[in-house]
Protein backbone atom coordinates (compact mmCIF):
# COMPACT_ATOMS: atom_id res chain seq x y z
CA MET A 1 -1.80 -37.83 -0.78
CA ASN A 2 -3.11 -40.48 -3.15
CA PHE A 3 -4.77 -39.63 -6.47
CA GLU A 4 -5.93 -41.45 -9.59
CA THR A 5 -4.83 -39.03 -12.35
CA ILE A 6 -1.87 -37.23 -10.79
CA ILE A 7 1.14 -38.13 -8.66
CA TYR A 8 2.23 -35.91 -5.77
CA GLU A 9 5.73 -36.22 -4.30
CA GLU A 10 7.87 -34.14 -1.96
CA ASP A 11 11.62 -33.65 -2.15
CA GLY A 12 12.70 -31.43 0.73
CA PRO A 13 11.21 -27.98 0.11
CA ILE A 14 9.92 -29.03 -3.33
CA GLY A 15 6.48 -30.46 -3.95
CA GLN A 16 5.90 -31.98 -7.40
CA ILE A 17 2.60 -32.62 -9.14
CA THR A 18 2.87 -34.93 -12.15
CA LEU A 19 -0.01 -35.16 -14.59
CA ASN A 20 -0.26 -38.91 -14.93
CA ARG A 21 -2.20 -39.76 -18.09
CA PRO A 22 0.71 -40.18 -20.57
CA ASP A 23 -1.20 -42.55 -22.85
CA ASP A 24 -3.72 -39.77 -23.49
CA GLY A 25 -1.34 -36.82 -23.76
CA ASN A 26 -1.75 -36.06 -20.03
CA MET A 27 -5.04 -34.45 -21.01
CA PHE A 28 -7.26 -32.88 -18.37
CA THR A 29 -10.37 -34.73 -17.31
CA VAL A 30 -12.92 -33.64 -14.73
CA ALA A 31 -11.18 -35.88 -12.21
CA MET A 32 -7.73 -34.49 -12.99
CA CYS A 33 -8.86 -30.87 -12.69
CA HIS A 34 -10.42 -31.59 -9.32
CA GLU A 35 -7.42 -33.57 -8.11
CA ILE A 36 -4.96 -30.82 -9.04
CA ARG A 37 -7.19 -28.29 -7.31
CA ASP A 38 -7.53 -30.44 -4.20
CA CYS A 39 -3.80 -31.20 -4.10
CA ILE A 40 -2.86 -27.54 -4.33
CA ASN A 41 -5.43 -26.57 -1.70
CA ALA A 42 -3.86 -29.15 0.63
CA ILE A 43 -0.41 -27.72 -0.12
CA ARG A 44 -1.67 -24.28 0.92
CA ARG A 45 -2.24 -25.61 4.43
CA GLU A 46 1.24 -27.01 5.05
CA THR A 47 4.62 -25.37 5.60
CA ARG A 48 6.89 -28.23 4.52
CA THR A 49 7.18 -27.16 0.90
CA GLN A 50 8.26 -23.77 -0.39
CA VAL A 51 7.98 -24.22 -4.16
CA ILE A 52 5.80 -26.45 -6.34
CA VAL A 53 6.69 -28.07 -9.67
CA ILE A 54 4.07 -29.18 -12.20
CA THR A 55 5.14 -31.55 -14.96
CA GLY A 56 3.80 -34.37 -17.13
CA ALA A 57 4.43 -38.10 -16.99
CA GLY A 58 6.53 -39.58 -19.78
CA ASP A 59 8.86 -37.75 -22.14
CA LYS A 60 6.50 -36.63 -24.90
CA PHE A 61 3.62 -34.68 -23.38
CA PHE A 62 3.38 -31.98 -20.75
CA CYS A 63 -0.35 -31.66 -21.44
CA ILE A 64 -2.29 -31.32 -24.69
CA GLY A 65 -5.56 -29.93 -23.37
CA GLY A 66 -8.73 -31.41 -21.96
CA ARG A 67 -11.15 -34.24 -22.59
CA LYS A 68 -14.83 -33.97 -21.64
CA GLU A 69 -15.36 -37.55 -20.53
CA GLY A 70 -18.55 -38.46 -18.71
CA MET A 71 -19.87 -34.90 -18.56
CA GLU A 72 -23.45 -33.84 -19.00
CA LYS A 73 -24.45 -32.45 -22.38
CA THR A 74 -25.53 -29.05 -21.15
CA SER A 75 -24.51 -25.44 -21.58
CA LEU A 76 -24.63 -25.02 -17.80
CA TYR A 77 -21.69 -25.52 -15.46
CA ALA A 78 -22.10 -29.30 -15.32
CA GLY A 79 -21.11 -29.43 -19.00
CA VAL A 80 -17.93 -27.37 -18.65
CA LEU A 81 -14.50 -28.86 -17.93
CA PRO A 82 -13.52 -27.34 -14.54
CA THR A 83 -10.14 -25.98 -15.58
CA LEU A 84 -10.77 -22.59 -13.95
CA GLU A 85 -10.77 -24.11 -10.47
CA MET A 86 -7.35 -25.58 -11.23
CA TYR A 87 -5.93 -22.31 -12.58
CA GLU A 88 -7.42 -20.33 -9.70
CA SER A 89 -5.85 -22.67 -7.16
CA ILE A 90 -2.42 -22.00 -8.68
CA ASP A 91 -3.01 -18.26 -8.45
CA ARG A 92 -4.17 -18.50 -4.83
CA LEU A 93 -1.28 -20.68 -3.72
CA GLN A 94 1.14 -18.53 -1.74
CA LYS A 95 4.11 -20.44 -3.07
CA PRO A 96 5.87 -20.13 -6.45
CA VAL A 97 4.78 -22.73 -9.00
CA ILE A 98 7.23 -23.83 -11.71
CA ALA A 99 6.02 -25.58 -14.85
CA SER A 100 8.57 -28.14 -16.04
CA VAL A 101 7.55 -28.68 -19.66
CA ASN A 102 8.69 -32.12 -20.76
CA GLY A 103 7.05 -32.19 -24.20
CA PHE A 104 4.02 -30.80 -26.00
CA ALA A 105 2.19 -28.02 -24.14
CA VAL A 106 -0.88 -27.55 -26.29
CA GLY A 107 -4.27 -25.91 -25.72
CA GLY A 108 -5.10 -26.12 -22.04
CA GLY A 109 -1.61 -27.44 -21.43
CA ASN A 110 -0.15 -24.20 -22.77
CA VAL A 111 -2.54 -22.23 -20.59
CA LEU A 112 -1.48 -24.31 -17.58
CA HIS A 113 2.19 -23.39 -17.91
CA VAL A 114 1.26 -19.75 -18.62
CA VAL A 115 -0.66 -19.60 -15.33
CA CYS A 116 2.34 -20.99 -13.45
CA ASP A 117 4.78 -18.42 -12.05
CA LEU A 118 7.81 -19.73 -13.94
CA THR A 119 8.44 -22.16 -16.79
CA ILE A 120 11.47 -24.28 -17.62
CA ALA A 121 11.35 -26.47 -20.73
CA LYS A 122 13.43 -29.04 -22.51
CA GLU A 123 14.79 -28.15 -25.96
CA SER A 124 12.36 -30.37 -27.85
CA ALA A 125 9.26 -28.99 -26.12
CA VAL A 126 6.54 -27.46 -28.31
CA PHE A 127 4.01 -24.80 -27.36
CA ARG A 128 0.76 -24.17 -29.19
CA GLN A 129 -2.80 -22.87 -28.90
CA VAL A 130 -5.20 -24.80 -31.11
CA GLY A 131 -8.64 -23.84 -29.83
CA PRO A 132 -10.01 -22.06 -32.93
CA MET A 133 -8.85 -24.98 -35.11
CA MET A 134 -11.09 -27.25 -33.04
CA GLY A 135 -14.02 -24.90 -32.41
CA SER A 136 -12.83 -24.07 -28.90
CA PHE A 137 -11.20 -21.17 -27.05
CA ASP A 138 -10.03 -19.88 -23.67
CA ALA A 139 -11.21 -16.32 -23.21
CA GLY A 140 -9.78 -15.86 -19.72
CA TYR A 141 -6.44 -17.06 -18.37
CA GLY A 142 -5.42 -18.23 -21.83
CA THR A 143 -5.68 -14.75 -23.32
CA TRP A 144 -5.10 -12.24 -20.51
CA TYR A 145 -2.10 -13.96 -18.95
CA LEU A 146 -0.65 -14.82 -22.34
CA GLU A 147 -0.83 -11.19 -23.43
CA ASP A 148 1.09 -10.19 -20.29
CA LEU A 149 3.87 -12.60 -21.22
CA VAL A 150 4.32 -12.05 -24.94
CA GLY A 151 2.37 -8.88 -25.79
CA LYS A 152 -0.99 -8.43 -27.47
CA LYS A 153 0.11 -8.92 -31.09
CA ARG A 154 1.98 -12.17 -30.43
CA ALA A 155 -0.80 -13.46 -28.17
CA LYS A 156 -3.38 -12.80 -30.88
CA GLU A 157 -1.20 -14.54 -33.46
CA MET A 158 -0.95 -17.59 -31.19
CA TRP A 159 -4.74 -17.71 -30.95
CA TYR A 160 -5.65 -16.64 -34.49
CA ALA A 161 -3.02 -18.53 -36.53
CA ASN A 162 -2.11 -21.30 -34.04
CA PRO A 163 1.61 -21.63 -34.90
CA LYS A 164 3.82 -24.29 -33.36
CA ILE A 165 6.40 -22.58 -31.15
CA SER A 166 9.68 -24.26 -30.28
CA ALA A 167 11.25 -23.96 -26.84
CA LYS A 168 13.93 -21.67 -28.31
CA GLN A 169 11.29 -19.39 -29.84
CA ALA A 170 9.26 -19.47 -26.62
CA LEU A 171 12.31 -18.27 -24.70
CA GLU A 172 12.99 -15.50 -27.20
CA ILE A 173 9.46 -14.07 -26.98
CA GLY A 174 9.22 -14.31 -23.19
CA LEU A 175 6.75 -17.19 -23.05
CA ILE A 176 9.09 -19.23 -20.83
CA ASN A 177 12.07 -18.59 -18.54
CA ARG A 178 14.64 -21.27 -19.30
CA VAL A 179 15.48 -23.93 -21.89
CA VAL A 180 17.67 -26.92 -21.06
CA PRO A 181 18.86 -30.06 -22.87
CA ASP A 182 16.23 -32.81 -22.94
CA ASP A 183 18.21 -35.15 -20.70
CA LYS A 184 18.85 -32.39 -18.15
CA LEU A 185 15.25 -31.27 -17.55
CA LYS A 186 14.69 -33.05 -14.24
CA GLU A 187 18.11 -32.05 -12.91
CA GLU A 188 17.79 -28.42 -13.98
CA THR A 189 14.18 -28.18 -12.75
CA ARG A 190 15.31 -29.30 -9.31
CA LYS A 191 18.15 -26.75 -9.33
CA PHE A 192 15.71 -24.02 -10.38
CA ALA A 193 13.23 -25.01 -7.67
CA LEU A 194 15.92 -25.08 -4.97
CA GLU A 195 17.18 -21.70 -6.12
CA VAL A 196 13.68 -20.26 -5.60
CA ALA A 197 13.11 -22.17 -2.35
CA ASP A 198 16.23 -20.55 -0.89
CA ARG A 199 14.43 -17.18 -0.85
CA GLY A 200 12.23 -15.94 1.97
CA PRO A 201 8.84 -17.70 1.74
CA PHE A 202 6.90 -14.79 3.22
CA ALA A 203 8.54 -12.34 0.82
CA LEU A 204 7.82 -14.63 -2.15
CA ALA A 205 4.21 -15.02 -1.05
CA ALA A 206 3.85 -11.25 -0.81
CA ILE A 207 5.42 -10.73 -4.24
CA LYS A 208 3.18 -13.35 -5.82
CA GLY A 209 0.16 -11.77 -4.16
CA ALA A 210 1.15 -8.35 -5.48
CA PHE A 211 1.49 -9.67 -9.04
CA ASN A 212 -1.86 -11.45 -8.86
CA ALA A 213 -3.67 -8.50 -7.28
CA ARG A 214 -3.55 -6.79 -10.67
CA HIS A 215 -5.74 -9.51 -12.13
CA GLY A 216 -7.72 -10.49 -9.07
CA GLY A 217 -9.60 -7.29 -8.33
CA VAL A 218 -11.00 -7.20 -4.80
CA SER A 219 -10.11 -10.88 -4.33
CA GLY A 220 -6.49 -10.27 -5.32
CA LEU A 221 -6.14 -7.22 -3.12
CA ALA A 222 -7.77 -9.05 -0.21
CA ARG A 223 -5.16 -11.78 -0.45
CA VAL A 224 -2.35 -9.25 -0.22
CA SER A 225 -3.86 -7.36 2.69
CA HIS A 226 -5.63 -10.12 4.62
CA ASP A 227 -3.61 -13.25 3.91
CA LEU A 228 -0.21 -11.54 4.10
CA LEU A 229 0.08 -8.01 5.42
CA LEU A 230 -2.63 -8.39 8.07
CA ARG A 231 -0.96 -11.55 9.32
CA ALA A 232 2.29 -9.66 9.79
CA TYR A 233 0.48 -6.82 11.56
CA LEU A 234 -1.19 -9.16 14.06
CA ASP A 235 2.21 -9.97 15.60
CA THR A 236 3.19 -6.33 16.22
CA GLU A 237 3.19 -4.65 19.64
CA GLU A 238 0.47 -2.32 18.36
CA SER A 239 -1.88 -5.14 17.49
CA LEU A 240 -1.16 -7.09 20.68
CA GLU A 241 -1.67 -4.02 22.88
CA LEU A 242 -4.95 -3.07 21.21
CA SER A 243 -6.22 -6.62 21.58
CA ALA A 244 -5.17 -6.82 25.24
CA SER A 245 -6.61 -3.41 26.16
CA PHE A 246 -9.91 -4.21 24.47
CA ALA A 247 -10.17 -7.49 26.37
CA ALA A 248 -9.28 -5.75 29.67
CA ARG A 249 -11.63 -2.82 28.94
CA ARG A 250 -8.87 -0.30 29.50
CA LYS A 251 -7.33 2.51 27.51
CA PRO A 252 -4.56 1.23 25.22
CA ASP A 253 -0.94 2.26 25.73
CA SER A 254 -0.32 4.38 22.63
CA THR A 255 3.45 4.31 23.14
CA LYS A 256 3.36 0.83 21.62
CA PHE A 257 1.70 2.02 18.42
CA GLY A 258 3.86 1.78 15.33
CA LYS A 259 6.26 -0.63 16.99
């Protein structure tokens, strides 16, 4: 897959998305949001990869938020940076997503790693929410998911006071999973991803669906039941017998039920 603002590469069971705007802090643009969404939606339809890594190009920035370049000046959807489509695609993806934070994760960049299933960061990484300092905010994924990770009081402090949080502090408060030396980030990210990829993909998909069902309402529950459990049911003797008997217009053999 070829893109203008991101790079997508595969390494065995690992797929990696690299935000590729290092000269501008790897900031989101409309094009980048759409490309990440489209890339992840393509990943949903293949079985080669089992875990996805998201990182930033360069060694200074993971992502420091978004830039509204070339957007209409309107309060309607056309004037809103489409970050939600990107976050939603990560939630919908039935594969674990690991954020590999290689520098500053600020604003929308902090929200991006929060939305990912797991986060590994280098020691010099910095995490921060700056929206209210700039007249902006994220009243969805950036608050709800953050509260789940660090608790309501800490989440409110991050949004109200906007402190800079080191990787060590982020680990201590549960914002991230692992901290590694700066020069070991790529190596340790790959080890982490392979560790996860070694687990059963169907089981991981079901677990991720169960976690997300809490937030997703009917959509989240539908993904657990339709995308996962129903698919498993369709291969059972019960399902096959009911389908065959219906097609043959005969009474089903109930001895195959529950098999």
